[in-house]
Amino acid sequence: PLFIPESYLNRESDHVEGFSPELAVVTQGGGRE
């Protein structure tokens, strides 16, 4: 999938730290949070 739960990235600290400045995060879908 194109969409990945944010919690998945947070499991590997070095990985998420390396990519965090570049992430595009979706917080709303179908008109809801």
PDB file of all heavy atoms in Angstrom:
ATOM      1  N   PRO A   1       0.796  -1.236   0.000  1.00  0.00           N
ATOM      2  CA  PRO A   1       0.000   0.000   0.000  1.00  0.00           C
ATOM      3  C   PRO A   1       0.826   1.283   0.000  1.00  0.00           C
ATOM      4  O   PRO A   1       1.937   1.339   0.540  1.00  0.00           O
ATOM      5  CB  PRO A   1      -0.823  -0.115   1.288  1.00  0.00           C
ATOM      6  CG  PRO A   1      -0.905  -1.583   1.561  1.00  0.00           C
ATOM      7  CD  PRO A   1       0.412  -2.131   1.105  1.00  0.00           C
ATOM      8  N   LEU A   2       0.211   2.309  -0.582  1.00  0.00           N
ATOM      9  CA  LEU A   2       0.797   3.648  -0.592  1.00  0.00           C
ATOM     10  C   LEU A   2       0.753   4.280   0.789  1.00  0.00           C
ATOM     11  O   LEU A   2       1.654   5.031   1.168  1.00  0.00           O
ATOM     12  CB  LEU A   2       0.022   4.516  -1.591  1.00  0.00           C
ATOM     13  CG  LEU A   2       0.372   5.993  -1.691  1.00  0.00           C
ATOM     14  CD1 LEU A   2       1.772   6.177  -2.260  1.00  0.00           C
ATOM     15  CD2 LEU A   2      -0.654   6.723  -2.560  1.00  0.00           C
ATOM     16  N   PHE A   3      -0.309   3.981   1.557  1.00  0.00           N
ATOM     17  CA  PHE A   3      -0.478   4.570   2.884  1.00  0.00           C
ATOM     18  C   PHE A   3       0.037   3.612   3.953  1.00  0.00           C
ATOM     19  O   PHE A   3      -0.298   2.428   3.970  1.00  0.00           O
ATOM     20  CB  PHE A   3      -1.953   4.875   3.151  1.00  0.00           C
ATOM     21  CG  PHE A   3      -2.522   5.924   2.238  1.00  0.00           C
ATOM     22  CD1 PHE A   3      -3.649   5.655   1.483  1.00  0.00           C
ATOM     23  CD2 PHE A   3      -1.939   7.178   2.135  1.00  0.00           C
ATOM     24  CE1 PHE A   3      -4.189   6.616   0.642  1.00  0.00           C
ATOM     25  CE2 PHE A   3      -2.464   8.137   1.293  1.00  0.00           C
ATOM     26  CZ  PHE A   3      -3.592   7.866   0.542  1.00  0.00           C
ATOM     27  N   ILE A   4       0.843   4.167   4.866  1.00  0.00           N
ATOM     28  CA  ILE A   4       1.478   3.371   5.920  1.00  0.00           C
ATOM     29  C   ILE A   4       1.088   3.962   7.274  1.00  0.00           C
ATOM     30  O   ILE A   4       1.243   5.180   7.485  1.00  0.00           O
ATOM     31  CB  ILE A   4       3.014   3.390   5.760  1.00  0.00           C
ATOM     32  CG1 ILE A   4       3.412   2.840   4.377  1.00  0.00           C
ATOM     33  CG2 ILE A   4       3.691   2.605   6.874  1.00  0.00           C
ATOM     34  CD1 ILE A   4       4.887   3.001   4.063  1.00  0.00           C
ATOM     35  N   PRO A   5       0.596   3.156   8.209  1.00  0.00           N
ATOM     36  CA  PRO A   5       0.281   3.690   9.542  1.00  0.00           C
ATOM     37  C   PRO A   5       1.513   4.349  10.165  1.00  0.00           C
ATOM     38  O   PRO A   5       2.617   3.799  10.114  1.00  0.00           O
ATOM     39  CB  PRO A   5      -0.140   2.446  10.330  1.00  0.00           C
ATOM     40  CG  PRO A   5      -0.603   1.476   9.290  1.00  0.00           C
ATOM     41  CD  PRO A   5       0.282   1.727   8.098  1.00  0.00           C
ATOM     42  N   GLU A   6       1.318   5.506  10.744  1.00  0.00           N
ATOM     43  CA  GLU A   6       2.442   6.242  11.331  1.00  0.00           C
ATOM     44  C   GLU A   6       3.150   5.403  12.388  1.00  0.00           C
ATOM     45  O   GLU A   6       4.368   5.479  12.546  1.00  0.00           O
ATOM     46  CB  GLU A   6       1.939   7.553  11.939  1.00  0.00           C
ATOM     47  CG  GLU A   6       3.043   8.503  12.370  1.00  0.00           C
ATOM     48  CD  GLU A   6       2.479   9.815  12.879  1.00  0.00           C
ATOM     49  OE1 GLU A   6       1.596   9.786  13.754  1.00  0.00           O
ATOM     50  OE2 GLU A   6       2.933  10.875  12.405  1.00  0.00           O
ATOM     51  N   SER A   7       2.401   4.574  13.098  1.00  0.00           N
ATOM     52  CA  SER A   7       2.999   3.745  14.154  1.00  0.00           C
ATOM     53  C   SER A   7       4.027   2.767  13.600  1.00  0.00           C
ATOM     54  O   SER A   7       4.962   2.386  14.298  1.00  0.00           O
ATOM     55  CB  SER A   7       1.902   2.974  14.899  1.00  0.00           C
ATOM     56  OG  SER A   7       1.173   2.141  14.008  1.00  0.00           O
ATOM     57  N   TYR A   8       3.867   2.353  12.325  1.00  0.00           N
ATOM     58  CA  TYR A   8       4.839   1.437  11.730  1.00  0.00           C
ATOM     59  C   TYR A   8       6.213   2.097  11.655  1.00  0.00           C
ATOM     60  O   TYR A   8       7.229   1.476  11.968  1.00  0.00           O
ATOM     61  CB  TYR A   8       4.394   1.025  10.324  1.00  0.00           C
ATOM     62  CG  TYR A   8       3.349  -0.060  10.270  1.00  0.00           C
ATOM     63  CD1 TYR A   8       2.371  -0.193  11.261  1.00  0.00           C
ATOM     64  CD2 TYR A   8       3.307  -0.950   9.207  1.00  0.00           C
ATOM     65  CE1 TYR A   8       1.400  -1.175  11.194  1.00  0.00           C
ATOM     66  CE2 TYR A   8       2.346  -1.949   9.130  1.00  0.00           C
ATOM     67  CZ  TYR A   8       1.395  -2.052  10.129  1.00  0.00           C
ATOM     68  OH  TYR A   8       0.443  -3.041  10.048  1.00  0.00           O
ATOM     69  N   LEU A   9       6.239   3.349  11.219  1.00  0.00           N
ATOM     70  CA  LEU A   9       7.528   4.032  11.109  1.00  0.00           C
ATOM     71  C   LEU A   9       8.138   4.281  12.477  1.00  0.00           C
ATOM     72  O   LEU A   9       9.364   4.263  12.627  1.00  0.00           O
ATOM     73  CB  LEU A   9       7.376   5.356  10.355  1.00  0.00           C
ATOM     74  CG  LEU A   9       7.493   5.267   8.832  1.00  0.00           C
ATOM     75  CD1 LEU A   9       6.202   4.732   8.228  1.00  0.00           C
ATOM     76  CD2 LEU A   9       7.856   6.608   8.219  1.00  0.00           C
ATOM     77  N   ASN A  10       7.305   4.515  13.474  1.00  0.00           N
ATOM     78  CA  ASN A  10       7.818   4.828  14.806  1.00  0.00           C
ATOM     79  C   ASN A  10       8.474   3.626  15.490  1.00  0.00           C
ATOM     80  O   ASN A  10       9.140   3.782  16.510  1.00  0.00           O
ATOM     81  CB  ASN A  10       6.690   5.368  15.689  1.00  0.00           C
ATOM     82  CG  ASN A  10       6.233   6.750  15.250  1.00  0.00           C
ATOM     83  OD1 ASN A  10       7.004   7.509  14.666  1.00  0.00           O
ATOM     84  ND2 ASN A  10       4.975   7.073  15.522  1.00  0.00           N
ATOM     85  N   ARG A  11       8.308   2.437  14.923  1.00  0.00           N
ATOM     86  CA  ARG A  11       8.896   1.256  15.558  1.00  0.00           C
ATOM     87  C   ARG A  11      10.416   1.222  15.434  1.00  0.00           C
ATOM     88  O   ARG A  11      11.084   0.605  16.250  1.00  0.00           O
ATOM     89  CB  ARG A  11       8.325  -0.019  14.929  1.00  0.00           C
ATOM     90  CG  ARG A  11       6.848  -0.246  15.227  1.00  0.00           C
ATOM     91  CD  ARG A  11       6.466  -1.659  14.830  1.00  0.00           C
ATOM     92  NE  ARG A  11       5.028  -1.808  14.651  1.00  0.00           N
ATOM     93  CZ  ARG A  11       4.431  -2.942  14.348  1.00  0.00           C
ATOM     94  NH1 ARG A  11       5.154  -4.041  14.175  1.00  0.00           N
ATOM     95  NH2 ARG A  11       3.123  -3.006  14.189  1.00  0.00           N
ATOM     96  N   GLU A  12      10.951   1.832  14.359  1.00  0.00           N
ATOM     97  CA  GLU A  12      12.400   1.816  14.148  1.00  0.00           C
ATOM     98  C   GLU A  12      12.900   3.250  14.266  1.00  0.00           C
ATOM     99  O   GLU A  12      12.721   4.066  13.368  1.00  0.00           O
ATOM    100  CB  GLU A  12      12.737   1.221  12.781  1.00  0.00           C
ATOM    101  CG  GLU A  12      13.989   0.346  12.747  1.00  0.00           C
ATOM    102  CD  GLU A  12      15.267   1.130  12.969  1.00  0.00           C
ATOM    103  OE1 GLU A  12      15.270   2.355  12.766  1.00  0.00           O
ATOM    104  OE2 GLU A  12      16.272   0.498  13.375  1.00  0.00           O
ATOM    105  N   SER A  13      13.536   3.586  15.397  1.00  0.00           N
ATOM    106  CA  SER A  13      13.838   4.982  15.725  1.00  0.00           C
ATOM    107  C   SER A  13      14.772   5.637  14.714  1.00  0.00           C
ATOM    108  O   SER A  13      14.545   6.773  14.292  1.00  0.00           O
ATOM    109  CB  SER A  13      14.439   5.072  17.135  1.00  0.00           C
ATOM    110  OG  SER A  13      15.619   4.283  17.231  1.00  0.00           O
ATOM    111  N   ASP A  14      15.857   4.941  14.298  1.00  0.00           N
ATOM    112  CA  ASP A  14      16.784   5.539  13.338  1.00  0.00           C
ATOM    113  C   ASP A  14      16.093   5.794  12.003  1.00  0.00           C
ATOM    114  O   ASP A  14      16.331   6.807  11.336  1.00  0.00           O
ATOM    115  CB  ASP A  14      17.991   4.621  13.113  1.00  0.00           C
ATOM    116  CG  ASP A  14      18.914   4.565  14.326  1.00  0.00           C
ATOM    117  OD1 ASP A  14      18.828   5.476  15.168  1.00  0.00           O
ATOM    118  OD2 ASP A  14      19.697   3.607  14.430  1.00  0.00           O
ATOM    119  N   HIS A  15      15.233   4.874  11.618  1.00  0.00           N
ATOM    120  CA  HIS A  15      14.535   4.977  10.341  1.00  0.00           C
ATOM    121  C   HIS A  15      13.604   6.183  10.327  1.00  0.00           C
ATOM    122  O   HIS A  15      13.656   7.009   9.410  1.00  0.00           O
ATOM    123  CB  HIS A  15      13.754   3.676  10.105  1.00  0.00           C
ATOM    124  CG  HIS A  15      13.198   3.541   8.724  1.00  0.00           C
ATOM    125  ND1 HIS A  15      13.994   3.354   7.618  1.00  0.00           N
ATOM    126  CD2 HIS A  15      11.913   3.548   8.270  1.00  0.00           C
ATOM    127  CE1 HIS A  15      13.242   3.248   6.541  1.00  0.00           C
ATOM    128  NE2 HIS A  15      11.969   3.363   6.907  1.00  0.00           N
ATOM    129  N   VAL A  16      12.775   6.311  11.330  1.00  0.00           N
ATOM    130  CA  VAL A  16      11.820   7.416  11.340  1.00  0.00           C
ATOM    131  C   VAL A  16      12.536   8.751  11.511  1.00  0.00           C
ATOM    132  O   VAL A  16      12.150   9.764  10.907  1.00  0.00           O
ATOM    133  CB  VAL A  16      10.743   7.217  12.431  1.00  0.00           C
ATOM    134  CG1 VAL A  16      11.321   7.370  13.834  1.00  0.00           C
ATOM    135  CG2 VAL A  16       9.588   8.205  12.219  1.00  0.00           C
ATOM    136  N   GLU A  17      13.611   8.763  12.293  1.00  0.00           N
ATOM    137  CA  GLU A  17      14.360  10.009  12.463  1.00  0.00           C
ATOM    138  C   GLU A  17      14.980  10.454  11.143  1.00  0.00           C
ATOM    139  O   GLU A  17      14.999  11.643  10.817  1.00  0.00           O
ATOM    140  CB  GLU A  17      15.454   9.818  13.518  1.00  0.00           C
ATOM    141  CG  GLU A  17      16.235  11.096  13.803  1.00  0.00           C
ATOM    142  CD  GLU A  17      17.308  10.878  14.870  1.00  0.00           C
ATOM    143  OE1 GLU A  17      17.315   9.799  15.507  1.00  0.00           O
ATOM    144  OE2 GLU A  17      18.128  11.787  15.049  1.00  0.00           O
ATOM    145  N   GLY A  18      15.482   9.479  10.375  1.00  0.00           N
ATOM    146  CA  GLY A  18      16.101   9.815   9.096  1.00  0.00           C
ATOM    147  C   GLY A  18      15.122  10.348   8.078  1.00  0.00           C
ATOM    148  O   GLY A  18      15.472  11.172   7.230  1.00  0.00           O
ATOM    149  N   PHE A  19      13.867   9.904   8.144  1.00  0.00           N
ATOM    150  CA  PHE A  19      12.890  10.304   7.141  1.00  0.00           C
ATOM    151  C   PHE A  19      11.916  11.374   7.607  1.00  0.00           C
ATOM    152  O   PHE A  19      11.198  11.951   6.781  1.00  0.00           O
ATOM    153  CB  PHE A  19      12.088   9.081   6.675  1.00  0.00           C
ATOM    154  CG  PHE A  19      12.811   8.256   5.647  1.00  0.00           C
ATOM    155  CD1 PHE A  19      13.395   7.053   5.996  1.00  0.00           C
ATOM    156  CD2 PHE A  19      12.920   8.689   4.338  1.00  0.00           C
ATOM    157  CE1 PHE A  19      14.076   6.296   5.049  1.00  0.00           C
ATOM    158  CE2 PHE A  19      13.593   7.941   3.377  1.00  0.00           C
ATOM    159  CZ  PHE A  19      14.168   6.739   3.744  1.00  0.00           C
ATOM    160  N   SER A  20      11.866  11.666   8.890  1.00  0.00           N
ATOM    161  CA  SER A  20      10.820  12.557   9.405  1.00  0.00           C
ATOM    162  C   SER A  20      10.750  13.918   8.715  1.00  0.00           C
ATOM    163  O   SER A  20       9.642  14.443   8.513  1.00  0.00           O
ATOM    164  CB  SER A  20      10.965  12.729  10.927  1.00  0.00           C
ATOM    165  OG  SER A  20      12.236  13.253  11.252  1.00  0.00           O
ATOM    166  N   PRO A  21      11.874  14.564   8.329  1.00  0.00           N
ATOM    167  CA  PRO A  21      11.734  15.871   7.672  1.00  0.00           C
ATOM    168  C   PRO A  21      11.080  15.783   6.294  1.00  0.00           C
ATOM    169  O   PRO A  21      10.645  16.801   5.755  1.00  0.00           O
ATOM    170  CB  PRO A  21      13.187  16.356   7.539  1.00  0.00           C
ATOM    171  CG  PRO A  21      13.979  15.515   8.481  1.00  0.00           C
ATOM    172  CD  PRO A  21      13.285  14.191   8.525  1.00  0.00           C
ATOM    173  N   GLU A  22      11.034  14.577   5.709  1.00  0.00           N
ATOM    174  CA  GLU A  22      10.558  14.417   4.338  1.00  0.00           C
ATOM    175  C   GLU A  22       9.155  13.829   4.259  1.00  0.00           C
ATOM    176  O   GLU A  22       8.620  13.650   3.166  1.00  0.00           O
ATOM    177  CB  GLU A  22      11.513  13.501   3.562  1.00  0.00           C
ATOM    178  CG  GLU A  22      12.958  13.990   3.533  1.00  0.00           C
ATOM    179  CD  GLU A  22      13.892  12.975   2.899  1.00  0.00           C
ATOM    180  OE1 GLU A  22      13.595  11.759   2.987  1.00  0.00           O
ATOM    181  OE2 GLU A  22      14.893  13.380   2.302  1.00  0.00           O
ATOM    182  N   LEU A  23       8.544  13.517   5.397  1.00  0.00           N
ATOM    183  CA  LEU A  23       7.289  12.773   5.380  1.00  0.00           C
ATOM    184  C   LEU A  23       6.095  13.651   4.995  1.00  0.00           C
ATOM    185  O   LEU A  23       5.992  14.808   5.400  1.00  0.00           O
ATOM    186  CB  LEU A  23       7.028  12.149   6.748  1.00  0.00           C
ATOM    187  CG  LEU A  23       8.031  11.101   7.233  1.00  0.00           C
ATOM    188  CD1 LEU A  23       7.600  10.562   8.594  1.00  0.00           C
ATOM    189  CD2 LEU A  23       8.154   9.964   6.227  1.00  0.00           C
ATOM    190  N   ALA A  24       5.189  13.061   4.214  1.00  0.00           N
ATOM    191  CA  ALA A  24       3.876  13.644   3.967  1.00  0.00           C
ATOM    192  C   ALA A  24       2.876  12.823   4.780  1.00  0.00           C
ATOM    193  O   ALA A  24       2.780  11.612   4.610  1.00  0.00           O
ATOM    194  CB  ALA A  24       3.531  13.588   2.484  1.00  0.00           C
ATOM    195  N   VAL A  25       2.153  13.474   5.682  1.00  0.00           N
ATOM    196  CA  VAL A  25       1.279  12.769   6.625  1.00  0.00           C
ATOM    197  C   VAL A  25      -0.171  13.168   6.368  1.00  0.00           C
ATOM    198  O   VAL A  25      -0.500  14.351   6.262  1.00  0.00           O
ATOM    199  CB  VAL A  25       1.674  13.101   8.083  1.00  0.00           C
ATOM    200  CG1 VAL A  25       0.796  12.325   9.057  1.00  0.00           C
ATOM    201  CG2 VAL A  25       3.155  12.767   8.318  1.00  0.00           C
ATOM    202  N   VAL A  26      -1.053  12.168   6.275  1.00  0.00           N
ATOM    203  CA  VAL A  26      -2.480  12.387   6.072  1.00  0.00           C
ATOM    204  C   VAL A  26      -3.186  12.262   7.423  1.00  0.00           C
ATOM    205  O   VAL A  26      -3.030  11.245   8.113  1.00  0.00           O
ATOM    206  CB  VAL A  26      -3.069  11.362   5.077  1.00  0.00           C
ATOM    207  CG1 VAL A  26      -4.563  11.598   4.890  1.00  0.00           C
ATOM    208  CG2 VAL A  26      -2.347  11.446   3.738  1.00  0.00           C
ATOM    209  N   THR A  27      -3.924  13.286   7.797  1.00  0.00           N
ATOM    210  CA  THR A  27      -4.629  13.269   9.088  1.00  0.00           C
ATOM    211  C   THR A  27      -6.145  13.243   8.935  1.00  0.00           C
ATOM    212  O   THR A  27      -6.850  13.012   9.908  1.00  0.00           O
ATOM    213  CB  THR A  27      -4.233  14.494   9.934  1.00  0.00           C
ATOM    214  OG1 THR A  27      -4.575  15.680   9.211  1.00  0.00           O
ATOM    215  CG2 THR A  27      -2.740  14.479  10.244  1.00  0.00           C
ATOM    216  N   GLN A  28      -6.656  13.488   7.728  1.00  0.00           N
ATOM    217  CA  GLN A  28      -8.100  13.465   7.500  1.00  0.00           C
ATOM    218  C   GLN A  28      -8.414  12.578   6.305  1.00  0.00           C
ATOM    219  O   GLN A  28      -7.643  12.500   5.335  1.00  0.00           O
ATOM    220  CB  GLN A  28      -8.640  14.862   7.229  1.00  0.00           C
ATOM    221  CG  GLN A  28      -8.626  15.771   8.443  1.00  0.00           C
ATOM    222  CD  GLN A  28      -9.362  17.067   8.184  1.00  0.00           C
ATOM    223  OE1 GLN A  28      -9.741  17.371   7.062  1.00  0.00           O
ATOM    224  NE2 GLN A  28      -9.578  17.838   9.242  1.00  0.00           N
ATOM    225  N   GLY A  29      -9.548  11.905   6.359  1.00  0.00           N
ATOM    226  CA  GLY A  29     -10.010  11.074   5.254  1.00  0.00           C
ATOM    227  C   GLY A  29     -11.520  10.937   5.320  1.00  0.00           C
ATOM    228  O   GLY A  29     -12.081  10.755   6.404  1.00  0.00           O
ATOM    229  N   GLY A  30     -12.189  11.048   4.173  1.00  0.00           N
ATOM    230  CA  GLY A  30     -13.642  10.954   4.162  1.00  0.00           C
ATOM    231  C   GLY A  30     -14.317  12.049   4.957  1.00  0.00           C
ATOM    232  O   GLY A  30     -15.422  11.851   5.484  1.00  0.00           O
ATOM    233  N   GLY A  31     -13.642  13.181   5.100  1.00  0.00           N
ATOM    234  CA  GLY A  31     -14.229  14.298   5.826  1.00  0.00           C
ATOM    235  C   GLY A  31     -14.101  14.203   7.335  1.00  0.00           C
ATOM    236  O   GLY A  31     -14.659  15.023   8.062  1.00  0.00           O
ATOM    237  N   ARG A  32     -13.341  13.224   7.824  1.00  0.00           N
ATOM    238  CA  ARG A  32     -13.178  13.039   9.270  1.00  0.00           C
ATOM    239  C   ARG A  32     -11.712  12.938   9.647  1.00  0.00           C
ATOM    240  O   ARG A  32     -10.867  12.557   8.854  1.00  0.00           O
ATOM    241  CB  ARG A  32     -13.898  11.764   9.725  1.00  0.00           C
ATOM    242  CG  ARG A  32     -15.404  11.782   9.502  1.00  0.00           C
ATOM    243  CD  ARG A  32     -16.027  10.503  10.022  1.00  0.00           C
ATOM    244  NE  ARG A  32     -17.475  10.493   9.828  1.00  0.00           N
ATOM    245  CZ  ARG A  32     -18.266   9.505  10.216  1.00  0.00           C
ATOM    246  NH1 ARG A  32     -17.736   8.431  10.821  1.00  0.00           N
ATOM    247  NH2 ARG A  32     -19.576   9.562  10.013  1.00  0.00           N
ATOM    248  N   GLU A  33     -11.459  13.266  10.915  1.00  0.00           N
ATOM    249  CA  GLU A  33     -10.115  13.092  11.469  1.00  0.00           C
ATOM    250  C   GLU A  33      -9.841  11.594  11.582  1.00  0.00           C
ATOM    251  O   GLU A  33     -10.662  10.826  12.086  1.00  0.00           O
ATOM    252  CB  GLU A  33     -10.038  13.740  12.854  1.00  0.00           C
ATOM    253  CG  GLU A  33      -8.619  13.928  13.363  1.00  0.00           C
ATOM    254  CD  GLU A  33      -7.950  15.146  12.767  1.00  0.00           C
ATOM    255  OE1 GLU A  33      -8.641  16.000  12.163  1.00  0.00           O
ATOM    256  OE2 GLU A  33      -6.716  15.240  12.906  1.00  0.00           O
TER     257      GLU A  33
END
